[in-house]
Amino acid sequence: MAFSIGNSGSPGGFGRGRFGRSHGALAEMNIVPLVDVVLVLLIIFMLTAHVMEFGLEINVPQVKQVQENAENLPVVNITRDGRLFLGEKTVNINQIAERVRREYKGSDTVYIVGDEAVPYGIVVNVISTLNEAKLGIKLVAKPEDFGAGKK
């Protein structure tokens, strides 16, 4: 929508513009950049709404209950400062294999859960100790959220 005051002061009827002079103000709003931004936001919304609304649907097959569950598996936790825990109890690195065999009879695999800031040398020493005792080793990692940025 434009507002202008007639072109009575312009010689030759040119009105506003390059050759004429204007006596009034023209209040025009340029909406082209606004429309561009809105269309870009609409496209982004359309792409992300599909991902948020419809997730990946996976039907996991049902199986008989297994004897082994998360509660009776040997889990070695390594804290940020290098302390070792077998389950909830503190353990010395030299006693890990003995305590696993005593507390988790019949289990030949140990799960290692470590903080991401643990020095690599501590993890290697734990793996080496468990390997010498002929115990299987599985490292536990939490899957990164798809689409989430790293802190």
N, C-alpha and C. Protein backbone atom coordinates (compact mmCIF):
# COMPACT_ATOMS: atom_id res chain seq x y z
N MET A 1 0.85 -1.15 0.00
CA MET A 1 0.00 0.00 0.00
C MET A 1 0.91 1.22 0.00
N ALA A 2 0.63 2.18 -0.88
CA ALA A 2 1.47 3.37 -0.99
C ALA A 2 0.62 4.61 -0.77
N PHE A 3 1.24 5.58 -0.18
CA PHE A 3 0.59 6.87 0.01
C PHE A 3 1.44 7.92 -0.68
N SER A 4 0.81 8.74 -1.43
CA SER A 4 1.56 9.84 -2.03
C SER A 4 0.65 11.05 -2.16
N ILE A 5 1.27 12.19 -2.20
CA ILE A 5 0.53 13.44 -2.40
C ILE A 5 0.75 13.81 -3.85
N GLY A 6 -0.25 14.08 -4.59
CA GLY A 6 -0.22 14.34 -6.02
C GLY A 6 1.08 14.88 -6.59
N ASN A 7 1.14 15.03 -7.87
CA ASN A 7 2.36 15.48 -8.54
C ASN A 7 2.18 16.89 -9.08
N SER A 8 1.50 17.74 -8.35
CA SER A 8 1.22 19.08 -8.85
C SER A 8 2.47 19.94 -8.95
N GLY A 9 3.51 19.66 -8.15
CA GLY A 9 4.70 20.48 -8.20
C GLY A 9 5.71 19.99 -9.20
N SER A 10 5.41 18.99 -9.97
CA SER A 10 6.37 18.42 -10.90
C SER A 10 6.17 19.00 -12.28
N PRO A 11 7.21 19.57 -12.86
CA PRO A 11 7.08 20.06 -14.23
C PRO A 11 7.09 18.89 -15.20
N GLY A 12 6.26 18.95 -16.18
CA GLY A 12 6.24 17.94 -17.23
C GLY A 12 5.51 16.69 -16.81
N GLY A 13 4.94 16.67 -15.66
CA GLY A 13 4.15 15.52 -15.21
C GLY A 13 4.95 14.29 -14.89
N PHE A 14 6.25 14.45 -14.58
CA PHE A 14 7.06 13.27 -14.24
C PHE A 14 6.75 12.74 -12.85
N GLY A 15 6.27 13.53 -11.96
CA GLY A 15 5.94 13.09 -10.60
C GLY A 15 7.20 12.81 -9.80
N ARG A 16 7.11 11.85 -8.93
CA ARG A 16 8.27 11.49 -8.12
C ARG A 16 9.26 10.74 -8.98
N GLY A 17 10.42 10.61 -8.47
CA GLY A 17 11.37 9.78 -9.18
C GLY A 17 12.64 10.53 -9.48
N ARG A 18 13.26 10.09 -10.51
CA ARG A 18 14.58 10.60 -10.83
C ARG A 18 14.54 12.06 -11.29
N PHE A 19 13.53 12.40 -12.10
CA PHE A 19 13.52 13.73 -12.69
C PHE A 19 12.60 14.71 -11.98
N GLY A 20 11.73 14.21 -11.22
CA GLY A 20 10.79 15.10 -10.55
C GLY A 20 11.11 15.18 -9.07
N ARG A 21 10.50 16.12 -8.42
CA ARG A 21 10.72 16.21 -6.99
C ARG A 21 9.41 15.87 -6.30
N SER A 22 9.53 15.34 -5.14
CA SER A 22 8.35 14.89 -4.42
C SER A 22 8.12 15.78 -3.23
N HIS A 23 6.85 16.10 -2.99
CA HIS A 23 6.51 16.90 -1.83
C HIS A 23 6.02 16.05 -0.67
N GLY A 24 5.63 14.84 -0.93
CA GLY A 24 5.07 14.00 0.12
C GLY A 24 5.95 12.79 0.41
N ALA A 25 5.65 12.15 1.47
CA ALA A 25 6.40 10.95 1.85
C ALA A 25 5.68 9.74 1.29
N LEU A 26 6.46 8.79 0.88
CA LEU A 26 5.91 7.54 0.37
C LEU A 26 6.21 6.47 1.41
N ALA A 27 5.18 5.92 2.00
CA ALA A 27 5.36 4.91 3.04
C ALA A 27 5.10 3.54 2.44
N GLU A 28 6.13 2.91 1.96
CA GLU A 28 6.00 1.58 1.39
C GLU A 28 6.78 0.60 2.26
N MET A 29 6.19 -0.54 2.46
CA MET A 29 6.88 -1.58 3.22
C MET A 29 7.35 -2.65 2.25
N ASN A 30 8.63 -2.93 2.28
CA ASN A 30 9.19 -3.94 1.39
C ASN A 30 9.02 -5.31 2.06
N ILE A 31 8.12 -6.11 1.54
CA ILE A 31 7.82 -7.39 2.19
C ILE A 31 8.56 -8.56 1.55
N VAL A 32 9.35 -8.32 0.55
CA VAL A 32 10.08 -9.41 -0.10
C VAL A 32 11.02 -10.12 0.88
N PRO A 33 11.85 -9.42 1.67
CA PRO A 33 12.70 -10.14 2.63
C PRO A 33 11.88 -10.91 3.67
N LEU A 34 10.75 -10.34 4.07
CA LEU A 34 9.90 -11.01 5.03
C LEU A 34 9.34 -12.31 4.46
N VAL A 35 8.91 -12.27 3.21
CA VAL A 35 8.39 -13.47 2.57
C VAL A 35 9.50 -14.51 2.41
N ASP A 36 10.70 -14.08 2.07
CA ASP A 36 11.83 -15.02 1.95
C ASP A 36 12.10 -15.73 3.26
N VAL A 37 12.13 -14.99 4.34
CA VAL A 37 12.39 -15.59 5.66
C VAL A 37 11.28 -16.55 6.04
N VAL A 38 10.04 -16.16 5.80
CA VAL A 38 8.91 -17.02 6.15
C VAL A 38 8.95 -18.31 5.33
N LEU A 39 9.28 -18.23 4.07
CA LEU A 39 9.35 -19.44 3.24
C LEU A 39 10.48 -20.36 3.68
N VAL A 40 11.62 -19.81 4.05
CA VAL A 40 12.72 -20.63 4.56
C VAL A 40 12.33 -21.31 5.86
N LEU A 41 11.70 -20.58 6.77
CA LEU A 41 11.24 -21.18 8.02
C LEU A 41 10.18 -22.25 7.77
N LEU A 42 9.32 -22.04 6.80
CA LEU A 42 8.31 -23.03 6.47
C LEU A 42 8.96 -24.32 5.97
N ILE A 43 9.95 -24.20 5.12
CA ILE A 43 10.66 -25.38 4.60
C ILE A 43 11.36 -26.12 5.73
N ILE A 44 12.03 -25.38 6.60
CA ILE A 44 12.71 -26.01 7.74
C ILE A 44 11.70 -26.72 8.62
N PHE A 45 10.60 -26.09 8.90
CA PHE A 45 9.56 -26.70 9.73
C PHE A 45 9.02 -27.96 9.08
N MET A 46 8.78 -27.92 7.78
CA MET A 46 8.25 -29.09 7.08
C MET A 46 9.22 -30.26 7.15
N LEU A 47 10.51 -29.98 7.05
CA LEU A 47 11.51 -31.06 7.10
C LEU A 47 11.66 -31.63 8.50
N THR A 48 11.66 -30.78 9.52
CA THR A 48 11.87 -31.27 10.88
C THR A 48 10.60 -31.85 11.49
N ALA A 49 9.44 -31.39 11.10
CA ALA A 49 8.19 -31.90 11.66
C ALA A 49 8.01 -33.37 11.31
N HIS A 50 8.41 -33.76 10.13
CA HIS A 50 8.30 -35.16 9.71
C HIS A 50 9.17 -36.05 10.59
N VAL A 51 10.36 -35.60 10.90
CA VAL A 51 11.27 -36.40 11.72
C VAL A 51 10.75 -36.50 13.15
N MET A 52 10.23 -35.40 13.69
CA MET A 52 9.76 -35.39 15.07
C MET A 52 8.46 -36.18 15.23
N GLU A 53 7.59 -36.11 14.25
CA GLU A 53 6.30 -36.76 14.38
C GLU A 53 6.40 -38.26 14.14
N PHE A 54 7.14 -38.65 13.14
CA PHE A 54 7.25 -40.05 12.79
C PHE A 54 8.65 -40.54 13.10
N GLY A 55 8.76 -41.37 14.12
CA GLY A 55 10.05 -41.96 14.47
C GLY A 55 10.24 -43.27 13.73
N LEU A 56 11.32 -43.88 14.01
CA LEU A 56 11.60 -45.18 13.44
C LEU A 56 10.85 -46.21 14.25
N GLU A 57 9.97 -46.95 13.62
CA GLU A 57 9.21 -47.96 14.33
C GLU A 57 9.83 -49.31 14.08
N ILE A 58 10.27 -49.93 15.16
CA ILE A 58 10.87 -51.26 15.06
C ILE A 58 10.12 -52.17 16.00
N ASN A 59 9.60 -53.23 15.47
CA ASN A 59 8.92 -54.22 16.31
C ASN A 59 9.93 -55.29 16.68
N VAL A 60 10.31 -55.27 17.94
CA VAL A 60 11.31 -56.22 18.43
C VAL A 60 10.61 -57.56 18.67
N PRO A 61 11.19 -58.64 18.18
CA PRO A 61 10.55 -59.94 18.40
C PRO A 61 10.55 -60.31 19.87
N GLN A 62 9.51 -61.01 20.29
CA GLN A 62 9.40 -61.44 21.67
C GLN A 62 10.08 -62.78 21.83
N VAL A 63 10.81 -62.93 22.92
CA VAL A 63 11.50 -64.18 23.20
C VAL A 63 11.19 -64.62 24.62
N LYS A 64 11.50 -65.87 24.90
CA LYS A 64 11.35 -66.35 26.26
C LYS A 64 12.28 -65.58 27.17
N GLN A 65 11.91 -65.49 28.43
CA GLN A 65 12.75 -64.78 29.38
C GLN A 65 14.07 -65.51 29.53
N VAL A 66 15.14 -64.75 29.51
CA VAL A 66 16.48 -65.31 29.60
C VAL A 66 16.93 -65.23 31.05
N GLN A 67 17.72 -66.19 31.48
CA GLN A 67 18.22 -66.22 32.85
C GLN A 67 19.08 -65.00 33.14
N GLU A 68 19.91 -64.64 32.19
CA GLU A 68 20.85 -63.55 32.42
C GLU A 68 20.14 -62.23 32.18
N ASN A 69 20.18 -61.34 33.16
CA ASN A 69 19.61 -60.01 32.98
C ASN A 69 20.59 -58.97 33.50
N ALA A 70 20.20 -57.72 33.43
CA ALA A 70 21.11 -56.63 33.77
C ALA A 70 21.51 -56.65 35.25
N GLU A 71 20.72 -57.28 36.08
CA GLU A 71 21.00 -57.27 37.51
C GLU A 71 22.09 -58.25 37.91
N ASN A 72 22.25 -59.33 37.16
CA ASN A 72 23.23 -60.32 37.57
C ASN A 72 24.44 -60.41 36.63
N LEU A 73 24.73 -59.34 35.94
CA LEU A 73 25.91 -59.28 35.08
C LEU A 73 27.02 -58.54 35.79
N PRO A 74 28.25 -59.02 35.66
CA PRO A 74 29.36 -58.29 36.28
C PRO A 74 29.67 -57.02 35.48
N VAL A 75 29.54 -55.89 36.15
CA VAL A 75 29.80 -54.60 35.51
C VAL A 75 30.87 -53.89 36.31
N VAL A 76 31.96 -53.55 35.64
CA VAL A 76 33.04 -52.78 36.25
C VAL A 76 32.86 -51.32 35.83
N ASN A 77 32.63 -50.47 36.82
CA ASN A 77 32.47 -49.04 36.56
C ASN A 77 33.76 -48.31 36.89
N ILE A 78 34.20 -47.46 35.98
CA ILE A 78 35.40 -46.66 36.20
C ILE A 78 34.97 -45.20 36.25
N THR A 79 35.20 -44.56 37.40
CA THR A 79 34.78 -43.17 37.56
C THR A 79 35.79 -42.22 36.93
N ARG A 80 35.41 -40.97 36.87
CA ARG A 80 36.25 -39.94 36.25
C ARG A 80 37.62 -39.84 36.92
N ASP A 81 37.65 -40.06 38.23
CA ASP A 81 38.93 -39.96 38.94
C ASP A 81 39.68 -41.29 39.01
N GLY A 82 39.19 -42.32 38.31
CA GLY A 82 39.93 -43.57 38.20
C GLY A 82 39.57 -44.63 39.23
N ARG A 83 38.56 -44.39 40.06
CA ARG A 83 38.16 -45.41 41.04
C ARG A 83 37.38 -46.51 40.33
N LEU A 84 37.54 -47.75 40.82
CA LEU A 84 36.89 -48.91 40.21
C LEU A 84 35.79 -49.44 41.13
N PHE A 85 34.67 -49.81 40.52
CA PHE A 85 33.56 -50.40 41.25
C PHE A 85 33.12 -51.65 40.51
N LEU A 86 32.85 -52.70 41.27
CA LEU A 86 32.24 -53.90 40.72
C LEU A 86 30.80 -53.86 41.19
N GLY A 87 29.90 -53.53 40.28
CA GLY A 87 28.53 -53.26 40.67
C GLY A 87 28.49 -51.94 41.43
N GLU A 88 28.11 -52.00 42.70
CA GLU A 88 28.05 -50.80 43.54
C GLU A 88 29.20 -50.74 44.54
N LYS A 89 30.02 -51.78 44.60
CA LYS A 89 31.07 -51.88 45.63
C LYS A 89 32.44 -51.52 45.05
N THR A 90 33.22 -50.80 45.83
CA THR A 90 34.57 -50.44 45.42
C THR A 90 35.42 -51.71 45.34
N VAL A 91 36.30 -51.74 44.36
CA VAL A 91 37.16 -52.91 44.17
C VAL A 91 38.55 -52.46 43.76
N ASN A 92 39.53 -53.25 44.18
CA ASN A 92 40.92 -53.00 43.79
C ASN A 92 41.16 -53.68 42.44
N ILE A 93 41.99 -53.09 41.63
CA ILE A 93 42.23 -53.65 40.30
C ILE A 93 42.80 -55.06 40.37
N ASN A 94 43.56 -55.37 41.41
CA ASN A 94 44.16 -56.70 41.53
C ASN A 94 43.15 -57.75 41.99
N GLN A 95 41.99 -57.33 42.49
CA GLN A 95 40.99 -58.26 42.99
C GLN A 95 39.77 -58.39 42.08
N ILE A 96 39.78 -57.71 40.95
CA ILE A 96 38.60 -57.72 40.07
C ILE A 96 38.26 -59.14 39.62
N ALA A 97 39.22 -59.85 39.06
CA ALA A 97 38.96 -61.18 38.52
C ALA A 97 38.46 -62.13 39.60
N GLU A 98 39.10 -62.11 40.76
CA GLU A 98 38.71 -62.99 41.86
C GLU A 98 37.28 -62.69 42.32
N ARG A 99 36.95 -61.41 42.46
CA ARG A 99 35.60 -61.04 42.92
C ARG A 99 34.54 -61.35 41.87
N VAL A 100 34.88 -61.21 40.58
CA VAL A 100 33.92 -61.55 39.53
C VAL A 100 33.60 -63.04 39.59
N ARG A 101 34.63 -63.86 39.71
CA ARG A 101 34.41 -65.31 39.76
C ARG A 101 33.65 -65.72 41.03
N ARG A 102 33.88 -65.04 42.14
CA ARG A 102 33.21 -65.38 43.39
C ARG A 102 31.76 -64.89 43.43
N GLU A 103 31.51 -63.65 43.01
CA GLU A 103 30.19 -63.06 43.13
C GLU A 103 29.27 -63.36 41.95
N TYR A 104 29.86 -63.64 40.80
CA TYR A 104 29.07 -63.89 39.59
C TYR A 104 29.46 -65.26 39.03
N LYS A 105 29.11 -66.30 39.75
CA LYS A 105 29.47 -67.66 39.33
C LYS A 105 28.85 -67.98 37.99
N GLY A 106 29.62 -68.59 37.13
CA GLY A 106 29.13 -68.98 35.82
C GLY A 106 29.23 -67.88 34.77
N SER A 107 29.57 -66.68 35.16
CA SER A 107 29.68 -65.59 34.20
C SER A 107 31.13 -65.49 33.74
N ASP A 108 31.32 -65.50 32.45
CA ASP A 108 32.68 -65.40 31.93
C ASP A 108 32.90 -64.13 31.13
N THR A 109 31.95 -63.20 31.20
CA THR A 109 32.06 -61.93 30.49
C THR A 109 31.86 -60.79 31.48
N VAL A 110 32.71 -59.77 31.37
CA VAL A 110 32.63 -58.60 32.24
C VAL A 110 32.37 -57.38 31.36
N TYR A 111 31.42 -56.56 31.80
CA TYR A 111 31.10 -55.33 31.09
C TYR A 111 31.84 -54.18 31.75
N ILE A 112 32.48 -53.37 30.94
CA ILE A 112 33.25 -52.23 31.47
C ILE A 112 32.53 -50.95 31.06
N VAL A 113 32.18 -50.16 32.07
CA VAL A 113 31.53 -48.87 31.85
C VAL A 113 32.47 -47.81 32.40
N GLY A 114 32.93 -46.91 31.54
CA GLY A 114 33.87 -45.89 31.98
C GLY A 114 33.40 -44.51 31.61
N ASP A 115 33.74 -43.56 32.44
CA ASP A 115 33.46 -42.16 32.15
C ASP A 115 34.29 -41.74 30.94
N GLU A 116 33.78 -40.80 30.16
CA GLU A 116 34.50 -40.40 28.96
C GLU A 116 35.79 -39.64 29.27
N ALA A 117 35.96 -39.19 30.51
CA ALA A 117 37.16 -38.44 30.88
C ALA A 117 38.21 -39.33 31.56
N VAL A 118 37.96 -40.64 31.62
CA VAL A 118 38.92 -41.55 32.26
C VAL A 118 40.17 -41.63 31.39
N PRO A 119 41.34 -41.54 32.00
CA PRO A 119 42.57 -41.71 31.21
C PRO A 119 42.63 -43.11 30.59
N TYR A 120 43.11 -43.17 29.38
CA TYR A 120 43.15 -44.41 28.61
C TYR A 120 43.96 -45.49 29.32
N GLY A 121 44.99 -45.11 30.02
CA GLY A 121 45.85 -46.07 30.70
C GLY A 121 45.11 -46.89 31.75
N ILE A 122 44.18 -46.27 32.45
CA ILE A 122 43.41 -46.98 33.47
C ILE A 122 42.52 -48.04 32.82
N VAL A 123 41.87 -47.67 31.73
CA VAL A 123 41.01 -48.62 31.02
C VAL A 123 41.83 -49.78 30.49
N VAL A 124 43.00 -49.51 29.94
CA VAL A 124 43.86 -50.57 29.41
C VAL A 124 44.32 -51.50 30.53
N ASN A 125 44.64 -50.97 31.71
CA ASN A 125 45.05 -51.81 32.84
C ASN A 125 43.91 -52.73 33.29
N VAL A 126 42.69 -52.22 33.33
CA VAL A 126 41.54 -53.04 33.71
C VAL A 126 41.32 -54.14 32.67
N ILE A 127 41.38 -53.79 31.40
CA ILE A 127 41.21 -54.78 30.33
C ILE A 127 42.30 -55.84 30.41
N SER A 128 43.52 -55.43 30.64
CA SER A 128 44.64 -56.36 30.74
C SER A 128 44.45 -57.32 31.91
N THR A 129 44.02 -56.80 33.05
CA THR A 129 43.80 -57.64 34.24
C THR A 129 42.71 -58.68 33.98
N LEU A 130 41.62 -58.25 33.36
CA LEU A 130 40.53 -59.18 33.07
C LEU A 130 40.91 -60.18 31.98
N ASN A 131 41.72 -59.75 31.05
CA ASN A 131 42.18 -60.63 29.97
C ASN A 131 43.10 -61.72 30.53
N GLU A 132 43.95 -61.38 31.47
CA GLU A 132 44.84 -62.37 32.09
C GLU A 132 44.05 -63.44 32.84
N ALA A 133 42.88 -63.06 33.36
CA ALA A 133 42.04 -64.01 34.09
C ALA A 133 41.14 -64.80 33.15
N LYS A 134 41.34 -64.65 31.85
CA LYS A 134 40.56 -65.35 30.82
C LYS A 134 39.07 -65.03 30.89
N LEU A 135 38.76 -63.79 31.19
CA LEU A 135 37.38 -63.32 31.20
C LEU A 135 37.11 -62.52 29.94
N GLY A 136 35.91 -62.70 29.39
CA GLY A 136 35.52 -61.92 28.21
C GLY A 136 35.27 -60.48 28.61
N ILE A 137 35.53 -59.58 27.69
CA ILE A 137 35.42 -58.15 27.99
C ILE A 137 34.50 -57.51 26.97
N LYS A 138 33.54 -56.74 27.47
CA LYS A 138 32.66 -55.96 26.59
C LYS A 138 32.63 -54.54 27.11
N LEU A 139 32.91 -53.61 26.22
CA LEU A 139 32.89 -52.19 26.58
C LEU A 139 31.49 -51.65 26.32
N VAL A 140 30.99 -50.89 27.27
CA VAL A 140 29.65 -50.34 27.18
C VAL A 140 29.75 -48.87 26.80
N ALA A 141 28.98 -48.47 25.80
CA ALA A 141 28.93 -47.07 25.38
C ALA A 141 27.48 -46.69 25.18
N LYS A 142 27.15 -45.48 25.51
CA LYS A 142 25.79 -44.98 25.31
C LYS A 142 25.72 -44.40 23.91
N PRO A 143 24.71 -44.81 23.13
CA PRO A 143 24.61 -44.27 21.78
C PRO A 143 24.31 -42.78 21.81
N GLU A 144 24.93 -42.06 20.91
CA GLU A 144 24.73 -40.61 20.84
C GLU A 144 23.35 -40.35 20.24
N ASP A 145 22.66 -39.37 20.80
CA ASP A 145 21.35 -39.01 20.28
C ASP A 145 21.51 -38.48 18.88
N PHE A 146 20.70 -39.03 17.97
CA PHE A 146 20.76 -38.61 16.58
C PHE A 146 20.25 -37.19 16.47
N GLY A 147 21.04 -36.31 15.90
CA GLY A 147 20.61 -34.93 15.71
C GLY A 147 20.98 -34.01 16.84
N ALA A 148 21.40 -34.56 17.94
CA ALA A 148 21.78 -33.70 19.06
C ALA A 148 23.23 -33.28 18.92
N GLY A 149 23.51 -32.06 19.19
CA GLY A 149 24.89 -31.58 19.12
C GLY A 149 25.68 -31.99 20.32
N LYS A 150 26.97 -32.01 20.17
CA LYS A 150 27.85 -32.37 21.27
C LYS A 150 28.16 -31.12 22.07
N LYS A 151 28.23 -31.28 23.38
CA LYS A 151 28.49 -30.13 24.26
C LYS A 151 29.92 -29.71 24.19
